[in-house]
C-alpha atoms as a PDB file:
ATOM      1  CA  UNK A   1      45.997-137.342  81.220  1.00  0.00           C
ATOM      2  CA  UNK A   2      47.074-138.326  84.352  1.00  0.00           C
ATOM      3  CA  UNK A   3      50.512-140.321  84.503  1.00  0.00           C
ATOM      4  CA  UNK A   4      52.490-142.742  86.832  1.00  0.00           C
ATOM      5  CA  UNK A   5      55.565-144.219  86.374  1.00  0.00           C
ATOM      6  CA  UNK A   6      56.576-147.349  88.753  1.00  0.00           C
ATOM      7  CA  UNK A   7      59.606-149.967  88.260  1.00  0.00           C
ATOM      8  CA  UNK A   8      58.999-148.693  84.310  1.00  0.00           C
ATOM      9  CA  UNK A   9      55.671-149.176  83.884  1.00  0.00           C
ATOM     10  CA  UNK A  10      53.607-145.996  82.789  1.00  0.00           C
ATOM     11  CA  UNK A  11      49.970-146.085  83.421  1.00  0.00           C
ATOM     12  CA  UNK A  12      47.764-143.558  81.950  1.00  0.00           C
ATOM     13  CA  UNK A  13      44.227-142.766  82.151  1.00  0.00           C
ATOM     14  CA  UNK A  14      41.367-140.476  80.035  1.00  0.00           C
ATOM     15  CA  UNK A  15      38.349-140.738  81.583  1.00  0.00           C
ATOM     16  CA  UNK A  16      34.934-139.720  80.195  1.00  0.00           C
ATOM     17  CA  UNK A  17      31.657-139.131  80.784  1.00  0.00           C
ATOM     18  CA  UNK A  18      28.963-141.475  79.700  1.00  0.00           C
ATOM     19  CA  UNK A  19      26.071-139.284  78.881  1.00  0.00           C
ATOM     20  CA  UNK A  20      23.623-141.701  77.109  1.00  0.00           C
ATOM     21  CA  UNK A  21      24.377-144.769  79.847  1.00  0.00           C
ATOM     22  CA  UNK A  22      23.831-142.064  82.954  1.00  0.00           C
ATOM     23  CA  UNK A  23      20.667-141.010  84.210  1.00  0.00           C
ATOM     24  CA  UNK A  24      21.055-137.423  86.927  1.00  0.00           C
ATOM     25  CA  UNK A  25      18.114-138.154  88.187  1.00  0.00           C
ATOM     26  CA  UNK A  26      18.459-141.137  89.272  1.00  0.00           C
ATOM     27  CA  UNK A  27      22.533-140.227  90.396  1.00  0.00           C
ATOM     28  CA  UNK A  28      23.275-143.006  88.348  1.00  0.00           C
ATOM     29  CA  UNK A  29      26.608-141.576  86.600  1.00  0.00           C
ATOM     30  CA  UNK A  30      28.551-144.103  84.326  1.00  0.00           C
ATOM     31  CA  UNK A  31      31.966-143.117  83.182  1.00  0.00           C
ATOM     32  CA  UNK A  32      34.617-145.103  80.800  1.00  0.00           C
ATOM     33  CA  UNK A  33      37.996-145.372  80.773  1.00  0.00           C
ATOM     34  CA  UNK A  34      40.843-145.705  78.767  1.00  0.00           C
ATOM     35  CA  UNK A  35      44.338-146.857  80.614  1.00  0.00           C
ATOM     36  CA  UNK A  36      47.291-147.125  78.584  1.00  0.00           C
ATOM     37  CA  UNK A  37      50.267-149.428  80.117  1.00  0.00           C
ATOM     38  CA  UNK A  38      53.282-149.049  78.957  1.00  0.00           C
ATOM     39  CA  UNK A  39      56.784-151.276  79.716  1.00  0.00           C
ATOM     40  CA  UNK A  40      60.047-149.264  79.454  1.00  0.00           C
ATOM     41  CA  UNK A  41      61.904-151.918  80.961  1.00  0.00           C
ATOM     42  CA  UNK A  42      64.360-154.473  79.187  1.00  0.00           C
ATOM     43  CA  UNK A  43      61.833-157.848  80.296  1.00  0.00           C
ATOM     44  CA  UNK A  44      58.400-158.439  79.347  1.00  0.00           C
ATOM     45  CA  UNK A  45      56.119-158.236  82.203  1.00  0.00           C
ATOM     46  CA  UNK A  46      52.277-159.675  82.652  1.00  0.00           C
ATOM     47  CA  UNK A  47      50.122-157.930  84.356  1.00  0.00           C
ATOM     48  CA  UNK A  48      47.759-160.588  86.513  1.00  0.00           C
ATOM     49  CA  UNK A  49      46.162-158.438  89.208  1.00  0.00           C
ATOM     50  CA  UNK A  50      43.918-154.962  89.647  1.00  0.00           C
ATOM     51  CA  UNK A  51      42.799-152.799  92.939  1.00  0.00           C
ATOM     52  CA  UNK A  52      40.496-150.153  92.225  1.00  0.00           C
ATOM     53  CA  UNK A  53      39.734-147.232  94.898  1.00  0.00           C
ATOM     54  CA  UNK A  54      36.499-145.768  93.654  1.00  0.00           C
ATOM     55  CA  UNK A  55      35.334-143.288  95.371  1.00  0.00           C
ATOM     56  CA  UNK A  56      32.267-140.408  94.851  1.00  0.00           C
ATOM     57  CA  UNK A  57      31.540-136.634  95.972  1.00  0.00           C
ATOM     58  CA  UNK A  58      28.770-138.517  98.068  1.00  0.00           C
ATOM     59  CA  UNK A  59      30.888-140.002 100.605  1.00  0.00           C
ATOM     60  CA  UNK A  60      31.360-143.595  99.173  1.00  0.00           C
ATOM     61  CA  UNK A  61      33.994-145.661  98.072  1.00  0.00           C
ATOM     62  CA  UNK A  62      34.261-148.659  97.129  1.00  0.00           C
ATOM     63  CA  UNK A  63      37.001-151.192  96.174  1.00  0.00           C
ATOM     64  CA  UNK A  64      37.015-153.427  93.230  1.00  0.00           C
ATOM     65  CA  UNK A  65      39.822-156.918  92.999  1.00  0.00           C
ATOM     66  CA  UNK A  66      40.399-159.205  90.835  1.00  0.00           C
ATOM     67  CA  UNK A  67      42.549-161.068  88.385  1.00  0.00           C
ATOM     68  CA  UNK A  68      43.860-159.444  85.057  1.00  0.00           C
ATOM     69  CA  UNK A  69      41.958-156.735  83.130  1.00  0.00           C
ATOM     70  CA  UNK A  70      38.496-157.466  81.222  1.00  0.00           C
ATOM     71  CA  UNK A  71      38.899-161.032  81.558  1.00  0.00           C
ATOM     72  CA  UNK A  72      43.136-160.722  80.388  1.00  0.00           C
ATOM     73  CA  UNK A  73      46.048-161.219  81.936  1.00  0.00           C
ATOM     74  CA  UNK A  74      48.262-159.400  79.035  1.00  0.00           C
ATOM     75  CA  UNK A  75      51.700-160.137  78.489  1.00  0.00           C
ATOM     76  CA  UNK A  76      53.317-156.593  77.809  1.00  0.00           C
ATOM     77  CA  UNK A  77      56.943-156.831  75.513  1.00  0.00           C
ATOM     78  CA  UNK A  78      59.653-154.409  76.544  1.00  0.00           C
ATOM     79  CA  UNK A  79      58.707-151.419  74.788  1.00  0.00           C
ATOM     80  CA  UNK A  80      55.394-152.277  73.821  1.00  0.00           C
ATOM     81  CA  UNK A  81      52.404-150.940  75.351  1.00  0.00           C
ATOM     82  CA  UNK A  82      48.791-152.690  76.252  1.00  0.00           C
ATOM     83  CA  UNK A  83      45.445-150.088  76.077  1.00  0.00           C
ATOM     84  CA  UNK A  84      42.381-151.327  77.626  1.00  0.00           C
ATOM     85  CA  UNK A  85      38.330-150.113  78.119  1.00  0.00           C
ATOM     86  CA  UNK A  86      36.457-150.042  80.722  1.00  0.00           C
ATOM     87  CA  UNK A  87      33.931-148.037  83.325  1.00  0.00           C
ATOM     88  CA  UNK A  88      32.781-147.430  86.159  1.00  0.00           C
ATOM     89  CA  UNK A  89      29.474-146.162  88.026  1.00  0.00           C
ATOM     90  CA  UNK A  90      28.911-143.825  91.223  1.00  0.00           C
ATOM     91  CA  UNK A  91      26.329-142.088  92.482  1.00  0.00           C
ATOM     92  CA  UNK A  92      27.592-138.398  92.663  1.00  0.00           C
ATOM     93  CA  UNK A  93      28.560-135.742  89.674  1.00  0.00           C
ATOM     94  CA  UNK A  94      31.959-135.882  91.025  1.00  0.00           C
ATOM     95  CA  UNK A  95      34.600-138.921  91.580  1.00  0.00           C
ATOM     96  CA  UNK A  96      37.796-140.386  91.594  1.00  0.00           C
ATOM     97  CA  UNK A  97      39.686-143.364  90.659  1.00  0.00           C
ATOM     98  CA  UNK A  98      43.134-144.978  91.823  1.00  0.00           C
ATOM     99  CA  UNK A  99      44.187-148.280  91.803  1.00  0.00           C
ATOM    100  CA  UNK A 100      47.407-150.842  91.429  1.00  0.00           C
ATOM    101  CA  UNK A 101      48.559-153.483  89.194  1.00  0.00           C
ATOM    102  CA  UNK A 102      50.168-156.273  90.289  1.00  0.00           C
ATOM    103  CA  UNK A 103      52.942-157.494  87.689  1.00  0.00           C
ATOM    104  CA  UNK A 104      54.878-160.338  86.838  1.00  0.00           C
ATOM    105  CA  UNK A 105      58.250-161.054  85.605  1.00  0.00           C
ATOM    106  CA  UNK A 106      59.667-164.060  83.597  1.00  0.00           C
ATOM    107  CA  UNK A 107      61.440-165.489  86.699  1.00  0.00           C
ATOM    108  CA  UNK A 108      58.462-164.775  89.104  1.00  0.00           C
ATOM    109  CA  UNK A 109      59.143-161.953  90.527  1.00  0.00           C
ATOM    110  CA  UNK A 110      56.216-159.457  90.801  1.00  0.00           C
ATOM    111  CA  UNK A 111      55.633-155.668  92.028  1.00  0.00           C
ATOM    112  CA  UNK A 112      53.008-153.302  92.230  1.00  0.00           C
ATOM    113  CA  UNK A 113      52.524-150.593  90.123  1.00  0.00           C
ATOM    114  CA  UNK A 114      50.374-147.020  90.769  1.00  0.00           C
ATOM    115  CA  UNK A 115      47.562-146.694  88.576  1.00  0.00           C
ATOM    116  CA  UNK A 116      47.461-142.419  88.816  1.00  0.00           C
ATOM    117  CA  UNK A 117      44.171-141.156  90.911  1.00  0.00           C
ATOM    118  CA  UNK A 118      42.211-139.382  87.655  1.00  0.00           C
ATOM    119  CA  UNK A 119      39.036-137.330  87.575  1.00  0.00           C
ATOM    120  CA  UNK A 120      35.405-138.542  87.230  1.00  0.00           C
ATOM    121  CA  UNK A 121      33.692-135.333  86.372  1.00  0.00           C
ATOM    122  CA  UNK A 122      30.250-134.455  84.951  1.00  0.00           C
ATOM    123  CA  UNK A 123      30.600-131.614  82.688  1.00  0.00           C
ATOM    124  CA  UNK A 124      26.806-130.108  84.311  1.00  0.00           C
ATOM    125  CA  UNK A 125      27.871-130.023  87.246  1.00  0.00           C
ATOM    126  CA  UNK A 126      30.349-127.600  86.726  1.00  0.00           C
ATOM    127  CA  UNK A 127      28.454-124.703  85.566  1.00  0.00           C
END
């Protein structure tokens, strides 16, 4: 499980190939991923923005950015975690995702934290 720590914020990601949503003949490879964000600081933070880089083995690169995650801007208390699930679709059996979240402190200061790069792998391709 890929893990990164930036300024006291731990990010881990668990990706999974979604067989029933994908169509290999049409080069439609769908992956879900579960993200866990843990605040090891002694102050709360709010996740306000996200940026993703999605790459596939065909050479396609896409960027996704926006407010919050899955329609939320969660406040993560000291010692607490926030977990969510999302998905991505690529056009090749192999790819990667990485990115960053903008975290805001109560005093208005903000900082970017790294989302670790993780692999998108269609296991049928590895055989």
